[in-house]
C-alpha cells in the first residue's frame, strides 16, 4: 500500500513515516497543501493521511479540491481540534475518517486498514488464493496451514498481489503501490523480491501461485500458468 502523509510538523511527519514504513507501507511526505495536490496528480495513492492545519492551503481545501477533481482515494484527516464543527467540516469536505491528535499509532493503523477495505472486493480481512491465506489484521501468512515468515516489503508485495488475484500487474503498477518515490524502478528490485516470495511461498509446494506473464508483469492465481 502506498500512502501520502501530509503533515507540516516535522516531528509528527517523521513519526508517522517511520511507523508506516516499519509496518510495510510505502510512504511519501508532503509538508503543505500545494505539495499534497501536486503529489496526488502524479501518484495513484491507496490512502492519504491529511492534516487539517497546513501552510498555503489547509486540509479542508485540499480534500475538497481532490473530490472536485474526481480523486476518490480514501482520506484520513488529522487534527488537534476535537470540536464537533471541525469534524463535520472535514467530513463534509470529502474526508472518509477523522483522527484527533494525539493518537495511538495502533489506532492509526487500524483506521488505515478499515479505509483500504472500503471497496467491496477488499472488505474481507482474510485474503485467500487457493491454499494461501493472508490476514491483514494480524499480518499472518500461511500456506496449507504452515506459517510463512516474510519481511515487511515481501508482505507488502504479497498483499498487493493478493488484493488483485488473477490480474496482471505490471512492474510500474507494483512500484507505484509497494515502493515510494525514492524507488528506482529501472532496477531489478521487484524481480528480486518476486524470487524471494517464490522461494517461500511456491518452492515448497506442488502448485505455483506467483506467475510471470512474459512481457507484461506478474500475477497471483490458482489457475494453471499459461505458456
Protein backbone atom coordinates (compact mmCIF):
# COMPACT_ATOMS: atom_id res chain seq x y z
CA UNK A 1 0.00 0.00 0.00
CA UNK A 2 1.27 3.45 -0.90
CA UNK A 3 0.39 6.30 1.44
CA UNK A 4 0.74 10.07 1.18
CA UNK A 5 1.29 11.75 4.56
CA UNK A 6 0.50 15.47 4.51
CA UNK A 7 1.82 16.99 7.73
CA UNK A 8 3.80 20.20 8.30
CA UNK A 9 5.03 19.36 11.80
CA UNK A 10 8.31 17.57 11.07
CA UNK A 11 8.31 15.56 14.29
CA UNK A 12 4.86 14.16 13.66
CA UNK A 13 5.55 13.54 9.98
CA UNK A 14 8.73 11.62 10.83
CA UNK A 15 6.90 9.60 13.48
CA UNK A 16 4.13 8.58 11.08
CA UNK A 17 6.51 7.88 8.20
CA UNK A 18 8.78 5.71 10.36
CA UNK A 19 5.88 3.74 11.82
CA UNK A 20 4.17 3.16 8.48
CA UNK A 21 7.41 2.16 6.78
CA UNK A 22 8.14 -0.36 9.53
CA UNK A 23 4.60 -1.70 9.02
CA UNK A 24 5.26 -2.35 5.35
CA UNK A 25 3.70 0.72 3.75
CA UNK A 26 5.37 2.78 1.02
CA UNK A 27 5.27 6.40 2.23
CA UNK A 28 5.65 9.81 0.61
CA UNK A 29 5.51 13.00 2.70
CA UNK A 30 4.22 16.46 1.77
CA UNK A 31 4.57 19.48 4.07
CA UNK A 32 1.86 21.80 2.68
CA UNK A 33 -1.42 21.75 0.81
CA UNK A 34 0.01 22.68 -2.58
CA UNK A 35 2.54 19.85 -2.42
CA UNK A 36 -0.22 17.44 -1.43
CA UNK A 37 -2.20 18.26 -4.57
CA UNK A 38 0.93 18.06 -6.71
CA UNK A 39 1.75 14.59 -5.35
CA UNK A 40 -1.82 13.36 -5.90
CA UNK A 41 -1.66 14.49 -9.53
CA UNK A 42 1.20 12.13 -10.34
CA UNK A 43 0.75 9.16 -7.97
CA UNK A 44 -2.20 6.81 -7.54
CA UNK A 45 -2.25 6.54 -3.73
CA UNK A 46 -4.12 3.89 -1.78
CA UNK A 47 -4.83 6.30 1.07
CA UNK A 48 -3.97 9.88 2.13
CA UNK A 49 -3.32 10.97 5.72
CA UNK A 50 -4.13 14.67 5.72
CA UNK A 51 -3.55 17.19 8.49
CA UNK A 52 -6.11 19.98 8.69
CA UNK A 53 -3.78 22.83 9.68
CA UNK A 54 -1.34 23.22 6.77
CA UNK A 55 0.62 26.08 5.17
CA UNK A 56 -0.52 27.57 1.84
CA UNK A 57 -3.73 25.54 1.64
CA UNK A 58 -5.43 23.83 4.59
CA UNK A 59 -6.53 20.21 4.67
CA UNK A 60 -10.21 21.05 4.21
CA UNK A 61 -9.43 22.86 0.96
CA UNK A 62 -7.09 20.08 -0.18
CA UNK A 63 -9.71 17.40 0.41
CA UNK A 64 -12.45 19.42 -1.27
CA UNK A 65 -10.18 20.03 -4.28
CA UNK A 66 -9.33 16.33 -4.56
CA UNK A 67 -13.01 15.42 -4.63
CA UNK A 68 -13.76 18.16 -7.17
CA UNK A 69 -11.07 16.67 -9.40
CA UNK A 70 -12.68 13.25 -9.11
CA UNK A 71 -9.95 11.74 -6.93
CA UNK A 72 -11.66 9.07 -4.84
CA UNK A 73 -8.70 7.95 -2.73
CA UNK A 74 -9.65 7.39 0.94
CA UNK A 75 -8.66 10.36 3.13
CA UNK A 76 -7.94 10.17 6.86
CA UNK A 77 -7.86 13.63 8.41
CA UNK A 78 -5.65 14.52 11.36
CA UNK A 79 -6.32 17.49 13.60
CA UNK A 80 -5.56 18.85 17.05
CA UNK A 81 -9.13 20.11 17.23
CA UNK A 82 -11.84 17.95 18.77
CA UNK A 83 -14.81 20.26 18.23
CA UNK A 84 -17.82 18.72 16.52
CA UNK A 85 -17.97 21.57 13.98
CA UNK A 86 -14.38 20.86 12.90
CA UNK A 87 -15.10 17.17 12.43
CA UNK A 88 -18.23 17.96 10.45
CA UNK A 89 -16.32 20.38 8.17
CA UNK A 90 -13.69 17.73 7.49
CA UNK A 91 -16.18 15.02 6.68
CA UNK A 92 -18.32 17.37 4.57
CA UNK A 93 -15.24 18.27 2.51
CA UNK A 94 -14.99 14.64 1.46
CA UNK A 95 -12.82 13.02 4.13
CA UNK A 96 -13.59 9.40 4.97
CA UNK A 97 -12.43 9.37 8.58
CA UNK A 98 -11.11 11.66 11.29
CA UNK A 99 -8.41 11.16 13.93
CA UNK A 100 -7.69 13.66 16.70
CA UNK A 101 -4.13 14.33 17.89
CA UNK A 102 -2.54 12.97 19.97
CA UNK A 103 -3.39 9.45 18.84
CA UNK A 104 -2.11 5.93 19.39
CA UNK A 105 -0.25 4.62 16.36
CA UNK A 106 -2.11 1.31 16.63
CA UNK A 107 -5.38 3.19 16.11
CA UNK A 108 -3.95 4.96 13.05
CA UNK A 109 -3.02 1.57 11.55
CA UNK A 110 -6.46 0.16 12.32
CA UNK A 111 -8.18 3.10 10.65
CA UNK A 112 -5.95 2.76 7.58
CA UNK A 113 -6.83 -0.93 7.32
CA UNK A 114 -10.52 -0.07 7.54
CA UNK A 115 -10.24 2.63 4.87
CA UNK A 116 -8.39 0.38 2.43
CA UNK A 117 -11.13 -2.22 2.82
CA UNK A 118 -13.73 0.30 1.66
CA UNK A 119 -14.23 -1.29 -1.77
CA UNK A 120 -16.47 -4.40 -1.62
CA UNK A 121 -13.76 -6.60 -3.15
CA UNK A 122 -11.43 -5.64 -0.28
CA UNK A 123 -13.86 -5.90 2.63
CA UNK A 124 -12.59 -9.22 3.96
CA UNK A 125 -9.57 -9.01 6.25
CA UNK A 126 -8.58 -12.55 5.25
CA UNK A 127 -7.21 -12.70 1.70
CA UNK A 128 -7.11 -16.13 0.07
CA UNK A 129 -5.70 -17.53 -3.15
CA UNK A 130 -6.00 -21.32 -3.33
CA UNK A 131 -4.37 -22.68 -0.13
CA UNK A 132 -2.52 -19.42 0.60
CA UNK A 133 -4.00 -17.01 3.15
CA UNK A 134 -3.00 -13.55 4.37
CA UNK A 135 -4.66 -11.93 7.38
CA UNK A 136 -4.37 -8.15 7.03
CA UNK A 137 -5.17 -7.63 10.71
CA UNK A 138 -2.58 -9.97 12.23
CA UNK A 139 -0.24 -9.98 9.19
CA UNK A 140 -0.08 -13.78 9.43
CA UNK A 141 0.64 -15.55 6.13
CA UNK A 142 0.00 -19.28 5.83
CA UNK A 143 0.03 -21.89 3.09
CA UNK A 144 -1.57 -25.26 3.77
CA UNK A 145 -1.73 -24.20 7.42
CA UNK A 146 2.02 -23.59 7.70
CA UNK A 147 3.06 -20.09 8.82
CA UNK A 148 5.42 -18.26 6.46
CA UNK A 149 7.71 -15.50 7.71
CA UNK A 150 8.03 -12.51 5.39
CA UNK A 151 9.93 -9.24 5.54
CA UNK A 152 7.87 -6.04 5.55
CA UNK A 153 8.50 -5.46 1.85
CA UNK A 154 7.74 -9.08 0.94
CA UNK A 155 4.50 -8.81 2.90
CA UNK A 156 3.53 -5.56 1.16
CA UNK A 157 4.24 -7.06 -2.25
CA UNK A 158 2.24 -10.20 -1.48
CA UNK A 159 -0.70 -8.19 -0.11
CA UNK A 160 -0.81 -6.11 -3.28
CA UNK A 161 -0.79 -9.24 -5.44
CA UNK A 162 -3.48 -10.94 -3.34
CA UNK A 163 -5.75 -7.90 -3.42
CA UNK A 164 -5.75 -8.27 -7.22
CA UNK A 165 -5.95 -12.03 -7.83
CA UNK A 166 -5.78 -13.26 -11.43
CA UNK A 167 -4.89 -9.73 -12.61
CA UNK A 168 -1.70 -8.92 -14.48
CA UNK A 169 0.24 -6.31 -12.51
CA UNK A 170 2.99 -4.52 -14.38
CA UNK A 171 6.27 -3.61 -12.73
CA UNK A 172 5.23 0.05 -12.84
CA UNK A 173 1.97 -0.73 -11.03
CA UNK A 174 3.84 -2.72 -8.39
CA UNK A 175 6.46 0.02 -7.97
CA UNK A 176 3.79 2.71 -7.54
CA UNK A 177 1.93 0.83 -4.79
CA UNK A 178 4.65 -1.04 -2.92
CA UNK A 179 7.61 1.35 -3.12
CA UNK A 180 7.79 5.10 -2.55
CA UNK A 181 9.06 7.98 -4.68
CA UNK A 182 12.71 7.24 -3.92
CA UNK A 183 12.48 3.80 -5.51
CA UNK A 184 14.32 3.43 -8.82
CA UNK A 185 12.03 1.05 -10.72
CA UNK A 186 14.52 0.53 -13.53
CA UNK A 187 16.44 -1.77 -11.22
CA UNK A 188 15.65 -5.46 -10.77
CA UNK A 189 14.47 -4.96 -7.18
CA UNK A 190 10.91 -6.05 -8.00
CA UNK A 191 12.13 -9.21 -9.75
CA UNK A 192 14.39 -9.99 -6.79
CA UNK A 193 11.51 -9.67 -4.31
CA UNK A 194 9.31 -11.85 -6.51
CA UNK A 195 12.03 -14.51 -6.38
CA UNK A 196 12.17 -14.21 -2.60
CA UNK A 197 8.40 -14.73 -2.39
CA UNK A 198 8.52 -17.72 -4.71
CA UNK A 199 11.19 -19.41 -2.59
CA UNK A 200 8.99 -19.09 0.49
CA UNK A 201 5.50 -19.48 -1.00
CA UNK A 202 5.88 -21.65 -4.09
CA UNK A 203 9.03 -23.77 -4.00
CA UNK A 204 7.97 -25.94 -1.00
CA UNK A 205 4.55 -26.66 -2.55
CA UNK A 206 3.37 -28.52 -5.66
CA UNK A 207 1.39 -25.63 -7.19
CA UNK A 208 2.99 -22.34 -8.24
CA UNK A 209 0.76 -19.36 -7.44
CA UNK A 210 3.01 -16.42 -8.38
CA UNK A 211 3.17 -16.35 -12.15
CA UNK A 212 5.24 -14.42 -14.66
CA UNK A 213 3.34 -13.06 -17.65
CA UNK A 214 6.02 -12.68 -20.26
CA UNK A 215 6.41 -9.09 -21.46
CA UNK A 216 3.68 -7.84 -19.10
CA UNK A 217 4.36 -8.42 -15.42
CA UNK A 218 3.22 -10.73 -12.63
CA UNK A 219 0.01 -12.14 -11.19
CA UNK A 220 -1.04 -14.44 -8.40
CA UNK A 221 -3.51 -17.11 -9.40
CA UNK A 222 -4.54 -20.70 -8.70
CA UNK A 223 -5.30 -21.14 -12.39
CA UNK A 224 -2.76 -23.08 -14.46
CA UNK A 225 0.12 -20.93 -15.67
CA UNK A 226 -0.11 -20.38 -19.42
CA UNK A 227 2.99 -20.95 -21.50
